[in-house]
């Protein structure tokens, strides 16, 4: 019987092929995970921007002394002064300062006879080409709006 001291060429080629298949699979899984992570981050940022605007507008509307529209901006007058929300580019400006970004659409309808404000906000598209939308109706609490 012959004493073996190594591997044959066929054994090395088989091991290299199996290793290549395993590494390729791991690479594809990692790549998919990274892509899904980036998509989730993009969607979360868009949804966060919309939630920030809705929360602020709703909070101010609940304590509003008056609500009006001036030059396409929503003006909510509270005890501390007017809070002016305007869409400029893809940014919501609050009193002239950037308040939220990644906003494509900010529309509102004042239904003062019902003491309501209907708001529609849409984000810019994320990395998958999807946008987030919130439509809400906010009832005004103070009389005389």
C-alpha atoms as a PDB file:
ATOM      1  CA  UNK A   1       0.000   0.000   0.000  1.00  0.00           C
ATOM      2  CA  UNK A   2       1.159   3.440  -0.898  1.00  0.00           C
ATOM      3  CA  UNK A   3       1.539   6.095   1.805  1.00  0.00           C
ATOM      4  CA  UNK A   4      -0.458   9.287   0.936  1.00  0.00           C
ATOM      5  CA  UNK A   5       1.007  12.635   1.944  1.00  0.00           C
ATOM      6  CA  UNK A   6      -1.410  15.092   0.320  1.00  0.00           C
ATOM      7  CA  UNK A   7      -4.598  15.727  -1.616  1.00  0.00           C
ATOM      8  CA  UNK A   8      -5.246  14.913  -5.229  1.00  0.00           C
ATOM      9  CA  UNK A   9      -6.027  17.610  -7.768  1.00  0.00           C
ATOM     10  CA  UNK A  10      -9.650  16.410  -8.013  1.00  0.00           C
ATOM     11  CA  UNK A  11     -10.114  16.707  -4.234  1.00  0.00           C
ATOM     12  CA  UNK A  12      -8.727  20.254  -4.238  1.00  0.00           C
ATOM     13  CA  UNK A  13     -10.974  21.325  -7.145  1.00  0.00           C
ATOM     14  CA  UNK A  14     -14.072  19.874  -5.418  1.00  0.00           C
ATOM     15  CA  UNK A  15     -13.267  21.645  -2.129  1.00  0.00           C
ATOM     16  CA  UNK A  16     -12.609  24.938  -3.961  1.00  0.00           C
ATOM     17  CA  UNK A  17     -15.940  24.651  -5.836  1.00  0.00           C
ATOM     18  CA  UNK A  18     -17.871  23.969  -2.615  1.00  0.00           C
ATOM     19  CA  UNK A  19     -16.087  26.876  -0.888  1.00  0.00           C
ATOM     20  CA  UNK A  20     -16.879  29.189  -3.827  1.00  0.00           C
ATOM     21  CA  UNK A  21     -20.568  28.245  -3.720  1.00  0.00           C
ATOM     22  CA  UNK A  22     -20.741  28.834   0.058  1.00  0.00           C
ATOM     23  CA  UNK A  23     -18.963  32.197  -0.136  1.00  0.00           C
ATOM     24  CA  UNK A  24     -21.159  33.332  -3.042  1.00  0.00           C
ATOM     25  CA  UNK A  25     -24.300  32.411  -1.076  1.00  0.00           C
ATOM     26  CA  UNK A  26     -23.086  34.254   2.004  1.00  0.00           C
ATOM     27  CA  UNK A  27     -22.225  37.303  -0.122  1.00  0.00           C
ATOM     28  CA  UNK A  28     -25.669  37.374  -1.724  1.00  0.00           C
ATOM     29  CA  UNK A  29     -27.392  37.073   1.657  1.00  0.00           C
ATOM     30  CA  UNK A  30     -25.272  39.901   3.056  1.00  0.00           C
ATOM     31  CA  UNK A  31     -25.983  42.059  -0.003  1.00  0.00           C
ATOM     32  CA  UNK A  32     -29.744  41.508   0.309  1.00  0.00           C
ATOM     33  CA  UNK A  33     -29.644  42.283   4.023  1.00  0.00           C
ATOM     34  CA  UNK A  34     -27.783  45.518   3.384  1.00  0.00           C
ATOM     35  CA  UNK A  35     -30.242  46.563   0.658  1.00  0.00           C
ATOM     36  CA  UNK A  36     -33.265  45.846   2.880  1.00  0.00           C
ATOM     37  CA  UNK A  37     -31.639  47.777   5.721  1.00  0.00           C
ATOM     38  CA  UNK A  38     -31.102  50.835   3.498  1.00  0.00           C
ATOM     39  CA  UNK A  39     -34.704  50.614   2.280  1.00  0.00           C
ATOM     40  CA  UNK A  40     -36.020  50.423   5.845  1.00  0.00           C
ATOM     41  CA  UNK A  41     -33.914  53.418   6.886  1.00  0.00           C
ATOM     42  CA  UNK A  42     -35.173  55.460   3.928  1.00  0.00           C
ATOM     43  CA  UNK A  43     -38.806  54.556   4.636  1.00  0.00           C
ATOM     44  CA  UNK A  44     -38.382  55.277   8.350  1.00  0.00           C
ATOM     45  CA  UNK A  45     -36.904  58.700   7.658  1.00  0.00           C
ATOM     46  CA  UNK A  46     -39.785  59.605   5.327  1.00  0.00           C
ATOM     47  CA  UNK A  47     -42.414  58.389   7.776  1.00  0.00           C
ATOM     48  CA  UNK A  48     -40.653  60.183  10.624  1.00  0.00           C
ATOM     49  CA  UNK A  49     -40.722  63.479   8.737  1.00  0.00           C
ATOM     50  CA  UNK A  50     -44.434  63.139   8.069  1.00  0.00           C
ATOM     51  CA  UNK A  51     -45.194  62.182  11.698  1.00  0.00           C
ATOM     52  CA  UNK A  52     -43.185  65.171  12.946  1.00  0.00           C
ATOM     53  CA  UNK A  53     -45.249  67.584  10.858  1.00  0.00           C
ATOM     54  CA  UNK A  54     -48.615  66.001  11.702  1.00  0.00           C
ATOM     55  CA  UNK A  55     -47.837  65.904  15.425  1.00  0.00           C
ATOM     56  CA  UNK A  56     -46.763  69.546  15.513  1.00  0.00           C
ATOM     57  CA  UNK A  57     -49.696  70.798  13.419  1.00  0.00           C
ATOM     58  CA  UNK A  58     -52.169  68.775  15.479  1.00  0.00           C
ATOM     59  CA  UNK A  59     -50.720  70.020  18.772  1.00  0.00           C
ATOM     60  CA  UNK A  60     -50.943  73.641  17.631  1.00  0.00           C
ATOM     61  CA  UNK A  61     -54.430  73.221  16.170  1.00  0.00           C
ATOM     62  CA  UNK A  62     -55.689  71.833  19.468  1.00  0.00           C
ATOM     63  CA  UNK A  63     -54.729  75.073  21.252  1.00  0.00           C
ATOM     64  CA  UNK A  64     -55.308  77.449  18.325  1.00  0.00           C
ATOM     65  CA  UNK A  65     -56.940  80.811  18.814  1.00  0.00           C
ATOM     66  CA  UNK A  66     -57.388  81.086  15.042  1.00  0.00           C
ATOM     67  CA  UNK A  67     -56.465  79.254  11.843  1.00  0.00           C
ATOM     68  CA  UNK A  68     -55.958  80.803   8.427  1.00  0.00           C
ATOM     69  CA  UNK A  69     -54.183  80.431   5.118  1.00  0.00           C
ATOM     70  CA  UNK A  70     -51.739  83.061   3.888  1.00  0.00           C
ATOM     71  CA  UNK A  71     -49.781  82.801   0.628  1.00  0.00           C
ATOM     72  CA  UNK A  72     -50.249  79.017   0.549  1.00  0.00           C
ATOM     73  CA  UNK A  73     -49.067  78.611   4.139  1.00  0.00           C
ATOM     74  CA  UNK A  74     -51.077  77.271   7.059  1.00  0.00           C
ATOM     75  CA  UNK A  75     -51.083  79.877   9.840  1.00  0.00           C
ATOM     76  CA  UNK A  76     -52.097  78.699  13.294  1.00  0.00           C
ATOM     77  CA  UNK A  77     -52.279  81.444  15.896  1.00  0.00           C
ATOM     78  CA  UNK A  78     -51.648  80.254  19.452  1.00  0.00           C
ATOM     79  CA  UNK A  79     -51.054  82.230  22.637  1.00  0.00           C
ATOM     80  CA  UNK A  80     -47.295  82.391  21.959  1.00  0.00           C
ATOM     81  CA  UNK A  81     -47.861  83.806  18.453  1.00  0.00           C
ATOM     82  CA  UNK A  82     -48.458  82.591  14.913  1.00  0.00           C
ATOM     83  CA  UNK A  83     -47.091  79.209  13.811  1.00  0.00           C
ATOM     84  CA  UNK A  84     -46.692  79.319  10.025  1.00  0.00           C
ATOM     85  CA  UNK A  85     -46.231  76.033   8.135  1.00  0.00           C
ATOM     86  CA  UNK A  86     -45.110  76.339   4.506  1.00  0.00           C
ATOM     87  CA  UNK A  87     -43.898  73.798   1.949  1.00  0.00           C
ATOM     88  CA  UNK A  88     -40.828  75.174   0.177  1.00  0.00           C
ATOM     89  CA  UNK A  89     -39.147  72.690  -2.119  1.00  0.00           C
ATOM     90  CA  UNK A  90     -39.157  69.407  -0.203  1.00  0.00           C
ATOM     91  CA  UNK A  91     -39.000  71.099   3.207  1.00  0.00           C
ATOM     92  CA  UNK A  92     -41.713  72.124   5.621  1.00  0.00           C
ATOM     93  CA  UNK A  93     -40.762  75.473   7.048  1.00  0.00           C
ATOM     94  CA  UNK A  94     -42.063  76.472  10.466  1.00  0.00           C
ATOM     95  CA  UNK A  95     -41.817  80.224  11.024  1.00  0.00           C
ATOM     96  CA  UNK A  96     -39.149  80.472   8.317  1.00  0.00           C
ATOM     97  CA  UNK A  97     -36.911  77.655   9.593  1.00  0.00           C
ATOM     98  CA  UNK A  98     -36.611  74.134   8.199  1.00  0.00           C
ATOM     99  CA  UNK A  99     -38.803  71.930  10.372  1.00  0.00           C
ATOM    100  CA  UNK A 100     -39.011  68.711   8.333  1.00  0.00           C
ATOM    101  CA  UNK A 101     -37.496  67.499   5.083  1.00  0.00           C
ATOM    102  CA  UNK A 102     -38.384  64.863   2.484  1.00  0.00           C
ATOM    103  CA  UNK A 103     -41.923  66.227   2.073  1.00  0.00           C
ATOM    104  CA  UNK A 104     -43.389  66.239  -1.447  1.00  0.00           C
ATOM    105  CA  UNK A 105     -46.928  67.437  -0.754  1.00  0.00           C
ATOM    106  CA  UNK A 106     -48.453  69.435   2.098  1.00  0.00           C
ATOM    107  CA  UNK A 107     -52.071  70.398   1.518  1.00  0.00           C
ATOM    108  CA  UNK A 108     -54.793  71.367   3.933  1.00  0.00           C
ATOM    109  CA  UNK A 109     -58.440  72.332   3.824  1.00  0.00           C
ATOM    110  CA  UNK A 110     -59.960  74.600   6.438  1.00  0.00           C
ATOM    111  CA  UNK A 111     -63.495  73.493   7.285  1.00  0.00           C
ATOM    112  CA  UNK A 112     -64.204  76.241   9.751  1.00  0.00           C
ATOM    113  CA  UNK A 113     -67.966  75.629   9.698  1.00  0.00           C
ATOM    114  CA  UNK A 114     -67.247  72.171  11.156  1.00  0.00           C
ATOM    115  CA  UNK A 115     -64.240  73.401  13.161  1.00  0.00           C
ATOM    116  CA  UNK A 116     -61.980  70.981  11.292  1.00  0.00           C
ATOM    117  CA  UNK A 117     -58.757  71.029   9.321  1.00  0.00           C
ATOM    118  CA  UNK A 118     -58.112  68.267   6.782  1.00  0.00           C
ATOM    119  CA  UNK A 119     -54.407  67.649   6.141  1.00  0.00           C
ATOM    120  CA  UNK A 120     -52.692  65.625   3.409  1.00  0.00           C
ATOM    121  CA  UNK A 121     -48.933  65.048   3.587  1.00  0.00           C
ATOM    122  CA  UNK A 122     -46.882  62.925   1.195  1.00  0.00           C
ATOM    123  CA  UNK A 123     -43.177  62.198   1.489  1.00  0.00           C
ATOM    124  CA  UNK A 124     -40.653  62.168  -1.309  1.00  0.00           C
ATOM    125  CA  UNK A 125     -39.895  58.763  -2.796  1.00  0.00           C
ATOM    126  CA  UNK A 126     -37.599  56.439  -0.908  1.00  0.00           C
ATOM    127  CA  UNK A 127     -34.878  54.278  -2.457  1.00  0.00           C
ATOM    128  CA  UNK A 128     -37.544  51.814  -3.687  1.00  0.00           C
ATOM    129  CA  UNK A 129     -39.610  54.539  -5.364  1.00  0.00           C
ATOM    130  CA  UNK A 130     -42.346  54.459  -2.705  1.00  0.00           C
ATOM    131  CA  UNK A 131     -43.715  57.425  -0.811  1.00  0.00           C
ATOM    132  CA  UNK A 132     -45.554  57.584   2.505  1.00  0.00           C
ATOM    133  CA  UNK A 133     -48.869  59.408   2.851  1.00  0.00           C
ATOM    134  CA  UNK A 134     -50.894  60.624   5.817  1.00  0.00           C
ATOM    135  CA  UNK A 135     -54.399  62.013   5.494  1.00  0.00           C
ATOM    136  CA  UNK A 136     -55.957  63.227   8.709  1.00  0.00           C
ATOM    137  CA  UNK A 137     -58.814  65.374   9.926  1.00  0.00           C
ATOM    138  CA  UNK A 138     -58.176  67.391  13.059  1.00  0.00           C
ATOM    139  CA  UNK A 139     -61.012  68.816  15.095  1.00  0.00           C
ATOM    140  CA  UNK A 140     -60.399  72.242  16.563  1.00  0.00           C
ATOM    141  CA  UNK A 141     -61.057  72.421  20.293  1.00  0.00           C
ATOM    142  CA  UNK A 142     -61.303  76.128  20.931  1.00  0.00           C
ATOM    143  CA  UNK A 143     -64.402  78.029  19.907  1.00  0.00           C
ATOM    144  CA  UNK A 144     -64.286  80.852  17.408  1.00  0.00           C
ATOM    145  CA  UNK A 145     -61.879  79.301  14.890  1.00  0.00           C
END
